[in-house]
């Protein structure tokens, strides 16, 4: 699996686990909803700074965003 797809799947899984809709998540953390959507679909290639912002927003270590999950 491509690292961007893994990142996107984990962001989506963690966001949903927090009960946040994509739009609310994006607005609360200063991102555009379409950008978050692209990350979750694995079509965006976010910078490491954006990855850190996502990890902070989801309250997880950066490594959790790249972990292989079943």
N, C-alpha and C. Protein backbone atom coordinates (compact mmCIF):
# COMPACT_ATOMS: atom_id res chain seq x y z
N UNK A 1 0.85 -1.19 0.00
CA UNK A 1 0.00 0.00 0.00
C UNK A 1 0.89 1.24 0.00
N UNK A 2 0.53 2.20 -0.79
CA UNK A 2 1.22 3.48 -0.87
C UNK A 2 1.15 4.19 0.48
N UNK A 3 2.23 4.86 0.86
CA UNK A 3 2.28 5.54 2.16
C UNK A 3 1.20 6.63 2.26
N UNK A 4 0.86 7.26 1.13
CA UNK A 4 -0.20 8.28 1.18
C UNK A 4 -1.56 7.66 1.47
N UNK A 5 -1.79 6.47 0.91
CA UNK A 5 -3.06 5.77 1.19
C UNK A 5 -3.12 5.34 2.65
N UNK A 6 -2.00 4.84 3.17
CA UNK A 6 -1.97 4.43 4.58
C UNK A 6 -2.23 5.62 5.50
N UNK A 7 -1.57 6.74 5.21
CA UNK A 7 -1.78 7.96 5.99
C UNK A 7 -3.25 8.35 5.95
N UNK A 8 -3.83 8.37 4.75
CA UNK A 8 -5.23 8.76 4.59
C UNK A 8 -6.19 7.85 5.33
N UNK A 9 -5.95 6.55 5.25
CA UNK A 9 -6.83 5.60 5.96
C UNK A 9 -6.75 5.81 7.47
N UNK A 10 -5.55 6.07 7.97
CA UNK A 10 -5.39 6.27 9.40
C UNK A 10 -6.00 7.59 9.86
N UNK A 11 -5.83 8.64 9.07
CA UNK A 11 -6.46 9.92 9.43
C UNK A 11 -7.97 9.75 9.49
N UNK A 12 -8.54 9.11 8.48
CA UNK A 12 -9.99 8.89 8.44
C UNK A 12 -10.46 8.07 9.64
N UNK A 13 -9.75 6.98 9.91
CA UNK A 13 -10.12 6.10 11.03
C UNK A 13 -10.06 6.85 12.37
N UNK A 14 -9.00 7.60 12.59
CA UNK A 14 -8.84 8.33 13.86
C UNK A 14 -9.84 9.48 13.98
N UNK A 15 -10.09 10.16 12.85
CA UNK A 15 -11.08 11.26 12.86
C UNK A 15 -12.47 10.73 13.21
N UNK A 16 -12.84 9.63 12.56
CA UNK A 16 -14.16 9.04 12.83
C UNK A 16 -14.25 8.51 14.26
N UNK A 17 -13.16 7.97 14.78
CA UNK A 17 -13.15 7.48 16.17
C UNK A 17 -13.41 8.61 17.16
N UNK A 18 -13.03 9.82 16.79
CA UNK A 18 -13.29 10.99 17.63
C UNK A 18 -14.69 11.57 17.38
N UNK A 19 -15.41 10.99 16.42
CA UNK A 19 -16.77 11.43 16.14
C UNK A 19 -16.83 12.75 15.39
N UNK A 20 -15.78 13.06 14.63
CA UNK A 20 -15.73 14.33 13.91
C UNK A 20 -16.06 14.14 12.43
N UNK A 21 -16.97 14.94 11.94
CA UNK A 21 -17.23 14.97 10.50
C UNK A 21 -16.03 15.63 9.83
N UNK A 22 -15.80 15.29 8.59
CA UNK A 22 -14.65 15.83 7.87
C UNK A 22 -14.64 17.36 7.84
N UNK A 23 -15.80 17.95 7.59
CA UNK A 23 -15.89 19.40 7.52
C UNK A 23 -15.59 20.05 8.86
N UNK A 24 -16.15 19.51 9.93
CA UNK A 24 -15.91 20.06 11.27
C UNK A 24 -14.43 19.91 11.64
N UNK A 25 -13.85 18.76 11.35
CA UNK A 25 -12.44 18.52 11.62
C UNK A 25 -11.58 19.55 10.89
N UNK A 26 -11.85 19.73 9.61
CA UNK A 26 -11.07 20.67 8.81
C UNK A 26 -11.20 22.10 9.34
N UNK A 27 -12.41 22.52 9.64
CA UNK A 27 -12.61 23.88 10.14
C UNK A 27 -11.95 24.10 11.50
N UNK A 28 -12.07 23.14 12.39
CA UNK A 28 -11.49 23.28 13.73
C UNK A 28 -9.98 23.40 13.70
N UNK A 29 -9.35 22.77 12.72
CA UNK A 29 -7.90 22.75 12.70
C UNK A 29 -7.30 23.54 11.55
N UNK A 30 -8.11 24.43 10.96
CA UNK A 30 -7.61 25.39 9.99
C UNK A 30 -7.19 24.83 8.65
N UNK A 31 -7.91 23.81 8.19
CA UNK A 31 -7.62 23.23 6.89
C UNK A 31 -8.89 23.29 6.04
N UNK A 32 -8.72 23.26 4.75
CA UNK A 32 -9.86 23.21 3.85
C UNK A 32 -10.39 21.78 3.80
N UNK A 33 -11.70 21.62 3.77
CA UNK A 33 -12.30 20.29 3.76
C UNK A 33 -11.84 19.47 2.55
N UNK A 34 -11.70 20.13 1.41
CA UNK A 34 -11.27 19.38 0.22
C UNK A 34 -9.83 18.90 0.35
N UNK A 35 -9.01 19.64 1.08
CA UNK A 35 -7.63 19.21 1.31
C UNK A 35 -7.62 17.97 2.22
N UNK A 36 -8.41 18.01 3.28
CA UNK A 36 -8.53 16.85 4.18
C UNK A 36 -9.06 15.65 3.40
N UNK A 37 -10.04 15.88 2.55
CA UNK A 37 -10.59 14.81 1.73
C UNK A 37 -9.51 14.20 0.85
N UNK A 38 -8.70 15.02 0.23
CA UNK A 38 -7.61 14.53 -0.61
C UNK A 38 -6.60 13.72 0.17
N UNK A 39 -6.30 14.15 1.38
CA UNK A 39 -5.38 13.39 2.23
C UNK A 39 -6.00 12.04 2.56
N UNK A 40 -7.26 12.03 2.95
CA UNK A 40 -7.93 10.79 3.32
C UNK A 40 -8.06 9.82 2.14
N UNK A 41 -8.17 10.34 0.94
CA UNK A 41 -8.26 9.49 -0.25
C UNK A 41 -6.89 9.06 -0.76
N UNK A 42 -5.84 9.65 -0.20
CA UNK A 42 -4.49 9.29 -0.62
C UNK A 42 -4.04 9.95 -1.90
N UNK A 43 -4.73 11.03 -2.29
CA UNK A 43 -4.35 11.72 -3.52
C UNK A 43 -3.49 12.94 -3.26
N UNK A 44 -3.43 13.39 -2.03
CA UNK A 44 -2.58 14.52 -1.65
C UNK A 44 -1.28 14.01 -1.07
N UNK A 45 -0.25 14.81 -1.18
CA UNK A 45 1.06 14.48 -0.63
C UNK A 45 1.42 15.57 0.38
N UNK A 46 0.89 15.48 1.60
CA UNK A 46 1.07 16.56 2.56
C UNK A 46 2.52 16.68 3.03
N UNK A 47 2.90 17.89 3.38
CA UNK A 47 4.24 18.12 3.93
C UNK A 47 4.31 17.54 5.34
N UNK A 48 5.51 17.41 5.85
CA UNK A 48 5.69 16.88 7.20
C UNK A 48 5.07 17.83 8.22
N UNK A 49 5.04 19.11 7.92
CA UNK A 49 4.39 20.08 8.81
C UNK A 49 2.90 19.81 8.90
N UNK A 50 2.27 19.50 7.78
CA UNK A 50 0.84 19.19 7.77
C UNK A 50 0.59 17.87 8.50
N UNK A 51 1.47 16.90 8.30
CA UNK A 51 1.33 15.62 9.00
C UNK A 51 1.39 15.86 10.52
N UNK A 52 2.30 16.72 10.96
CA UNK A 52 2.39 17.03 12.39
C UNK A 52 1.11 17.72 12.88
N UNK A 53 0.56 18.63 12.08
CA UNK A 53 -0.70 19.29 12.45
C UNK A 53 -1.83 18.28 12.58
N UNK A 54 -1.88 17.32 11.66
CA UNK A 54 -2.91 16.28 11.72
C UNK A 54 -2.75 15.44 12.99
N UNK A 55 -1.51 15.05 13.28
CA UNK A 55 -1.26 14.24 14.48
C UNK A 55 -1.66 15.02 15.74
N UNK A 56 -1.31 16.29 15.79
CA UNK A 56 -1.69 17.13 16.94
C UNK A 56 -3.20 17.24 17.05
N UNK A 57 -3.87 17.45 15.92
CA UNK A 57 -5.33 17.59 15.91
C UNK A 57 -6.01 16.31 16.37
N UNK A 58 -5.41 15.17 16.03
CA UNK A 58 -6.00 13.87 16.40
C UNK A 58 -5.46 13.36 17.74
N UNK A 59 -4.52 14.11 18.32
CA UNK A 59 -3.94 13.78 19.62
C UNK A 59 -3.27 12.40 19.61
N UNK A 60 -2.46 12.17 18.57
CA UNK A 60 -1.71 10.92 18.44
C UNK A 60 -0.28 11.26 18.00
N UNK A 61 0.67 10.36 18.25
CA UNK A 61 2.02 10.58 17.72
C UNK A 61 2.01 10.46 16.19
N UNK A 62 2.93 11.14 15.54
CA UNK A 62 3.01 11.09 14.08
C UNK A 62 3.11 9.66 13.58
N UNK A 63 3.85 8.83 14.29
CA UNK A 63 4.03 7.43 13.87
C UNK A 63 2.70 6.70 13.75
N UNK A 64 1.72 7.07 14.55
CA UNK A 64 0.40 6.42 14.50
C UNK A 64 -0.28 6.65 13.15
N UNK A 65 0.03 7.77 12.52
CA UNK A 65 -0.57 8.07 11.23
C UNK A 65 -0.01 7.20 10.10
N UNK A 66 1.13 6.59 10.35
CA UNK A 66 1.76 5.75 9.34
C UNK A 66 1.73 4.26 9.69
N UNK A 67 1.12 3.94 10.82
CA UNK A 67 1.08 2.54 11.28
C UNK A 67 0.22 1.68 10.37
N UNK A 68 0.64 0.45 10.17
CA UNK A 68 -0.16 -0.50 9.39
C UNK A 68 -1.24 -1.07 10.30
N UNK A 69 -2.48 -0.90 9.90
CA UNK A 69 -3.63 -1.42 10.67
C UNK A 69 -4.39 -2.40 9.81
N UNK A 70 -5.01 -3.38 10.44
CA UNK A 70 -5.79 -4.38 9.70
C UNK A 70 -7.12 -3.85 9.27
